[in-house]
Protein backbone atom coordinates (compact mmCIF):
# COMPACT_ATOMS: atom_id res chain seq x y z
CA MET A 1 0.20 -0.26 -0.16
CA ILE A 2 1.07 3.40 -0.13
CA SER A 3 0.81 5.94 2.45
CA PHE A 4 0.49 9.45 3.62
CA GLU A 5 0.21 11.85 6.45
CA PRO A 6 -2.12 14.28 5.28
CA LYS A 7 1.30 16.90 6.09
CA GLU A 8 2.70 15.21 3.21
CA LEU A 9 0.08 16.32 0.38
CA SER A 10 -1.38 19.72 -0.73
CA THR A 11 -5.09 20.64 0.76
CA GLY A 12 -5.70 20.23 -3.30
CA LYS A 13 -4.85 16.73 -3.44
CA LEU A 14 -6.24 15.25 -0.07
CA HIS A 15 -9.53 16.54 -0.70
CA GLY A 16 -9.73 14.48 -3.38
CA TYR A 17 -8.20 11.77 -2.02
CA LEU A 18 -10.84 12.14 0.67
CA LEU A 19 -13.56 12.86 -1.95
CA SER A 20 -13.09 9.95 -3.87
CA ALA A 21 -12.58 7.38 -1.36
CA VAL A 22 -15.55 8.58 1.09
CA ALA A 23 -18.00 7.83 -1.54
CA PRO A 24 -21.03 8.02 -2.54
CA ARG A 25 -22.33 10.93 -0.27
CA PRO A 26 -25.85 12.01 -0.20
CA ILE A 27 -26.40 15.30 -1.51
CA ALA A 28 -27.51 18.43 0.58
CA PHE A 29 -29.36 20.78 -1.74
CA ALA A 30 -29.51 23.29 0.14
CA SER A 31 -31.78 26.59 -0.32
CA THR A 32 -30.67 30.18 1.96
CA MET A 33 -32.00 33.44 1.75
CA ASP A 34 -29.18 36.25 2.41
CA ALA A 35 -30.26 39.21 5.06
CA ASP A 36 -32.23 40.75 2.32
CA GLY A 37 -34.30 38.12 1.20
CA ASN A 38 -32.41 37.41 -1.59
CA PRO A 39 -32.82 33.34 -2.55
CA ASN A 40 -29.44 31.52 -2.78
CA LEU A 41 -29.06 27.64 -3.72
CA SER A 42 -26.43 25.01 -3.36
CA PRO A 43 -25.49 21.60 -3.49
CA PHE A 44 -22.61 20.28 -0.54
CA SER A 45 -22.38 16.66 -0.20
CA PHE A 46 -20.60 16.83 3.22
CA PHE A 47 -24.12 15.38 4.63
CA ASN A 48 -26.16 13.12 6.20
CA VAL A 49 -28.64 12.70 8.92
CA PHE A 50 -27.65 12.50 12.60
CA SER A 51 -30.63 12.44 14.85
CA ALA A 52 -34.31 11.47 15.01
CA ASN A 53 -35.19 12.94 18.64
CA PRO A 54 -34.10 15.71 17.91
CA PRO A 55 -34.23 15.48 14.13
CA ILE A 56 -30.72 17.14 13.02
CA LEU A 57 -29.19 17.16 9.71
CA ILE A 58 -25.58 18.05 9.30
CA PHE A 59 -24.10 20.04 6.20
CA SER A 60 -20.60 21.20 5.24
CA PRO A 61 -20.04 23.95 3.22
CA ALA A 62 -16.39 23.90 3.22
CA ARG A 63 -13.91 27.22 2.37
CA ARG A 64 -12.81 27.10 -0.91
CA VAL A 65 -9.43 25.31 -1.53
CA ARG A 66 -8.12 27.31 -3.94
CA ASP A 67 -8.75 30.97 -2.42
CA ASN A 68 -9.73 30.13 0.88
CA THR A 69 -13.15 32.16 0.35
CA THR A 70 -16.46 30.96 1.84
CA LYS A 71 -19.26 30.49 -0.09
CA HIS A 72 -22.59 32.12 -0.01
CA THR A 73 -24.61 29.68 1.66
CA LEU A 74 -22.61 30.23 4.80
CA GLU A 75 -22.42 33.27 5.24
CA ASN A 76 -26.83 33.05 4.70
CA VAL A 77 -27.00 30.52 7.38
CA LEU A 78 -24.75 32.30 9.53
CA ALA A 79 -27.15 36.04 9.00
CA THR A 80 -30.74 34.21 9.22
CA LYS A 81 -30.38 30.57 10.93
CA GLU A 82 -32.65 28.91 8.29
CA VAL A 83 -32.27 26.54 5.35
CA VAL A 84 -34.41 23.84 3.90
CA ILE A 85 -32.39 21.24 2.73
CA ASN A 86 -34.01 19.44 -0.58
CA VAL A 87 -33.09 16.05 -1.51
CA VAL A 88 -31.30 15.12 -4.87
CA SER A 89 -33.41 12.90 -7.56
CA PHE A 90 -31.82 11.48 -10.59
CA ASP A 91 -34.48 13.37 -12.92
CA MET A 92 -33.16 16.72 -11.59
CA VAL A 93 -29.44 15.81 -11.10
CA HIS A 94 -28.20 18.06 -13.94
CA GLN A 95 -30.19 21.16 -13.23
CA MET A 96 -28.70 20.25 -9.59
CA SER A 97 -25.00 20.63 -10.71
CA LEU A 98 -25.41 23.45 -12.42
CA SER A 99 -26.25 25.56 -9.67
CA SER A 100 -23.26 24.73 -8.42
CA THR A 101 -21.84 27.24 -10.83
CA GLU A 102 -20.68 30.13 -8.47
CA TYR A 103 -22.44 32.87 -10.03
CA PRO A 104 -21.97 36.29 -8.65
CA LEU A 105 -23.58 37.44 -5.14
CA GLY A 106 -27.05 37.73 -5.72
CA VAL A 107 -27.68 36.06 -8.83
CA ASN A 108 -30.79 33.31 -8.12
CA GLU A 109 -29.99 29.94 -8.98
CA PHE A 110 -33.25 28.48 -9.14
CA ASP A 111 -34.01 30.68 -11.52
CA LYS A 112 -30.53 29.88 -13.63
CA ALA A 113 -31.31 25.89 -13.20
CA GLY A 114 -34.52 26.40 -14.04
CA PHE A 115 -36.16 25.29 -10.49
CA SER A 116 -39.53 26.54 -9.36
CA MET A 117 -39.46 28.14 -5.72
CA LEU A 118 -42.03 27.20 -3.52
CA LYS A 119 -42.69 29.13 -0.55
CA SER A 120 -41.92 27.48 2.83
CA ASP A 121 -44.16 26.96 6.31
CA LEU A 122 -42.16 27.40 9.14
CA VAL A 123 -38.77 29.21 7.73
CA LYS A 124 -38.19 32.10 4.35
CA PRO A 125 -36.04 30.01 2.69
CA PHE A 126 -37.74 28.57 -0.62
CA ARG A 127 -38.13 25.13 -1.33
CA VAL A 128 -37.29 23.60 -4.62
CA ALA A 129 -40.65 22.42 -5.98
CA GLU A 130 -38.45 19.33 -8.06
CA SER A 131 -37.15 17.92 -4.98
CA PRO A 132 -39.11 14.78 -3.63
CA VAL A 133 -38.62 15.76 0.21
CA GLN A 134 -37.98 18.66 1.48
CA PHE A 135 -36.50 19.57 4.78
CA GLU A 136 -37.22 22.72 6.83
CA CYS A 137 -34.92 23.51 9.38
CA LYS A 138 -33.61 26.20 11.92
CA VAL A 139 -30.08 26.39 12.53
CA ASN A 140 -28.77 25.14 15.66
CA GLU A 141 -25.28 26.35 15.52
CA VAL A 142 -22.70 26.31 13.01
CA VAL A 143 -19.26 24.82 14.11
CA HIS A 144 -16.33 26.22 12.24
CA LEU A 145 -13.51 23.25 11.98
CA GLY A 146 -10.56 25.73 10.63
CA THR A 147 -9.72 28.98 9.22
CA GLU A 148 -7.48 27.02 5.90
CA GLY A 149 -9.36 26.87 2.34
CA GLY A 150 -10.63 23.26 2.67
CA ALA A 151 -11.77 23.84 6.24
CA GLY A 152 -15.72 22.37 6.84
CA ASN A 153 -18.31 24.20 8.40
CA LEU A 154 -20.29 21.85 10.40
CA VAL A 155 -23.95 23.60 9.76
CA ILE A 156 -26.26 22.01 12.52
CA CYS A 157 -30.11 22.48 11.39
CA GLU A 158 -32.81 20.97 13.37
CA VAL A 159 -35.97 20.07 10.83
CA VAL A 160 -39.32 21.78 11.77
CA LYS A 161 -41.17 20.75 8.94
CA LEU A 162 -40.53 18.00 6.28
CA HIS A 163 -42.46 18.14 2.67
CA MET A 164 -42.68 14.43 0.50
CA ASP A 165 -43.90 13.87 -3.04
CA GLU A 166 -47.01 10.82 -2.46
CA ASP A 167 -45.41 9.38 -5.45
CA ILE A 168 -42.50 7.88 -3.70
CA LEU A 169 -44.42 6.59 -1.00
CA ASP A 170 -45.62 3.16 -0.85
CA GLU A 171 -48.64 1.69 0.17
CA ASN A 172 -47.91 1.61 3.79
CA GLY A 173 -46.63 5.47 3.65
CA GLN A 174 -42.98 4.15 4.03
CA ILE A 175 -40.47 6.04 1.45
CA ASN A 176 -40.31 3.46 -1.77
CA GLN A 177 -36.13 3.75 -2.41
CA GLU A 178 -36.91 2.78 -6.27
CA LYS A 179 -39.60 5.12 -6.68
CA LEU A 180 -37.38 7.52 -4.98
CA ASP A 181 -34.54 7.78 -7.33
CA LEU A 182 -31.83 9.55 -5.21
CA VAL A 183 -28.51 10.28 -6.43
CA ALA A 184 -24.75 10.32 -4.90
CA ARG A 185 -21.83 12.45 -5.11
CA ALA A 186 -18.70 10.45 -5.61
CA GLY A 187 -14.91 12.32 -6.42
CA GLY A 188 -14.08 14.23 -9.18
CA SER A 189 -17.53 14.13 -11.74
CA TYR A 190 -18.38 10.86 -10.59
CA TYR A 191 -22.33 10.47 -9.44
CA SER A 192 -24.15 7.26 -8.13
CA ARG A 193 -27.74 6.56 -8.94
CA ALA A 194 -29.04 4.69 -5.72
CA ARG A 195 -32.31 2.79 -7.96
CA LYS A 196 -29.87 1.53 -10.29
CA GLY A 197 -27.68 -0.44 -7.29
CA PHE A 198 -29.50 -1.11 -4.33
CA PHE A 199 -29.73 -4.55 -2.66
CA GLU A 200 -30.89 -5.73 0.38
CA ILE A 201 -28.82 -7.24 3.33
CA PRO A 202 -30.84 -9.15 6.11
CA LYS A 203 -30.02 -7.78 8.97
CA PRO A 204 -28.22 -9.98 11.74
CA LEU A 205 -30.62 -11.64 13.84
CA SER A 206 -32.39 -10.89 17.06
CA THR A 207 -31.63 -14.13 18.20
CA LEU A 208 -28.04 -14.08 17.13
CA GLY A 209 -26.49 -15.57 14.03
CA ILE A 210 -24.02 -18.42 15.00
CA GLY A 211 -21.06 -16.20 14.00
CA VAL A 212 -18.21 -17.30 11.46
CA ASP A 213 -16.24 -18.80 14.91
CA GLN A 214 -18.67 -21.64 15.27
CA MET A 215 -18.39 -22.71 11.10
CA PRO A 216 -17.09 -26.01 10.37
CA ASP A 217 -13.20 -26.04 9.67
CA HIS A 218 -13.98 -26.69 5.89
CA VAL A 219 -16.49 -23.80 5.89
CA LYS A 220 -14.45 -21.15 7.90
CA ASN A 221 -11.52 -21.46 5.74
CA SER A 222 -12.95 -22.02 2.22
CA MET A 223 -11.06 -21.18 -0.91
CA ILE A 224 -14.29 -20.65 -2.35
CA LEU A 225 -16.85 -18.60 -0.69
CA THR A 226 -16.16 -15.56 -0.13
CA GLY A 227 -16.04 -13.22 3.12
CA ASN A 228 -19.17 -11.97 1.92
CA GLU A 229 -20.34 -15.50 1.56
CA LEU A 230 -19.49 -16.89 4.80
CA GLY A 231 -21.16 -13.42 6.61
CA MET A 232 -24.94 -14.39 4.96
CA LEU A 233 -24.01 -18.38 5.80
CA ALA A 234 -23.23 -17.00 10.27
CA ASN A 235 -26.65 -15.36 10.13
CA VAL A 236 -28.28 -18.08 11.13
CA GLU A 237 -29.75 -19.26 14.72
CA VAL A 238 -28.74 -23.08 14.40
CA LEU A 239 -27.70 -25.28 11.82
CA PRO A 240 -29.25 -27.93 9.71
CA THR A 241 -29.99 -31.37 11.55
CA ALA A 242 -28.72 -34.38 10.02
CA GLU A 243 -32.15 -35.39 9.15
CA ALA A 244 -32.80 -31.99 7.74
CA VAL A 245 -29.90 -32.56 5.34
CA GLN A 246 -30.77 -35.76 4.67
CA GLU A 247 -33.93 -35.19 3.36
CA PHE A 248 -33.13 -32.32 1.12
CA LEU A 249 -30.30 -34.78 -0.74
CA GLU A 250 -32.81 -37.10 -1.24
CA SER A 251 -35.37 -34.20 -2.28
CA VAL A 252 -32.39 -32.83 -5.14
CA SER A 253 -31.15 -36.27 -5.72
CA GLU A 254 -32.31 -35.80 -9.46
CA HIS A 255 -30.78 -32.73 -10.22
CA HIS A 256 -27.07 -33.36 -7.98
CA PRO A 257 -26.90 -37.00 -7.42
CA ASN A 258 -23.59 -38.35 -6.05
CA ILE A 259 -23.44 -35.18 -4.20
CA LYS A 260 -22.96 -36.52 -0.64
CA ASP A 261 -19.72 -38.40 -1.99
CA ALA A 262 -18.45 -35.02 -3.65
CA ASN A 263 -15.39 -33.05 -2.51
CA HIS A 264 -15.20 -29.70 -0.79
CA ARG A 265 -14.67 -27.81 -3.58
CA LYS A 266 -17.82 -28.95 -5.45
CA LYS A 267 -20.01 -28.79 -2.86
CA HIS A 268 -18.77 -25.76 -1.91
CA LYS A 269 -19.25 -24.23 -5.69
CA LEU A 270 -22.72 -25.83 -5.48
CA ALA A 271 -23.38 -23.78 -1.78
CA LYS A 272 -22.28 -21.03 -3.57
CA ASN A 273 -24.80 -20.99 -6.68
CA TYR A 274 -27.61 -21.32 -3.77
CA LEU A 275 -26.08 -18.40 -1.71
CA SER A 276 -26.44 -15.73 -5.12
CA PHE A 277 -29.80 -16.91 -5.00
CA GLY A 278 -30.22 -15.78 -0.89
CA ASP A 279 -31.07 -19.74 -0.25
CA LEU A 280 -28.65 -20.13 3.22
CA ASP A 281 -30.80 -22.90 4.09
CA SER A 282 -30.00 -24.86 0.59
CA ALA A 283 -26.42 -24.11 0.93
CA TRP A 284 -25.51 -25.28 4.79
CA LYS A 285 -27.63 -28.36 3.94
CA ILE A 286 -25.15 -28.74 0.99
CA LEU A 287 -22.37 -27.79 2.77
CA LEU A 288 -23.01 -30.17 5.62
CA SER A 289 -23.80 -33.27 3.44
């Protein structure tokens, strides 16, 4: 591996490494207003949710690396203590990118990027009408992390009202991630479209999975199964019984004759195939045969 201490790198190079390695990142499309009532709109990928009670979102408008200046968004939240954080779906990503252009003070990025200004209920900044989820926020605190170019400024926002497009909700009133179709930021010019990359991992059992350490050695030390696949296999409460294994072998004998007498390599390859379909039970029965 190649290794560095941060002080050995220029701020620009370190900034590039951080943004490329810590990715993808959600995007806070922040709408603010200056003290004179002029709207501003800008995206930030140093962003996440940090609390539900109270509901807290934090984003960070960093000082510009090239000239150590601050962004209009930071100046506005310091002056007014209000912001609307809009999420960014795939349908609006190019307009969002355009709004990140560093237009002069007083230029309305809503107009430049072709977004519609929607009046908020509890704060002054406008919402982005095209965004499927919008959070009206009061700014509780701004934490300055430094005074040099690249230094972040943590804007700690408390959600006072949220708005959601009903079209993104499922029959239970929960957000459907595929319908929401968020995009996330990576390094350079790269983005990630969440809907194209979603996959599910069952949460660890509340009754406790057996863990990798309790697996038979030939499974734990498999040259075929990956670490991810061992993690899947470890998330079962108990292993199949010998009787269950025998019943399974009899049921699949037409498709897998002589599997019981096969070597570990062949069994592991077959189990791997079952795991690709999420069938842990059958995979274990193959491995224990």
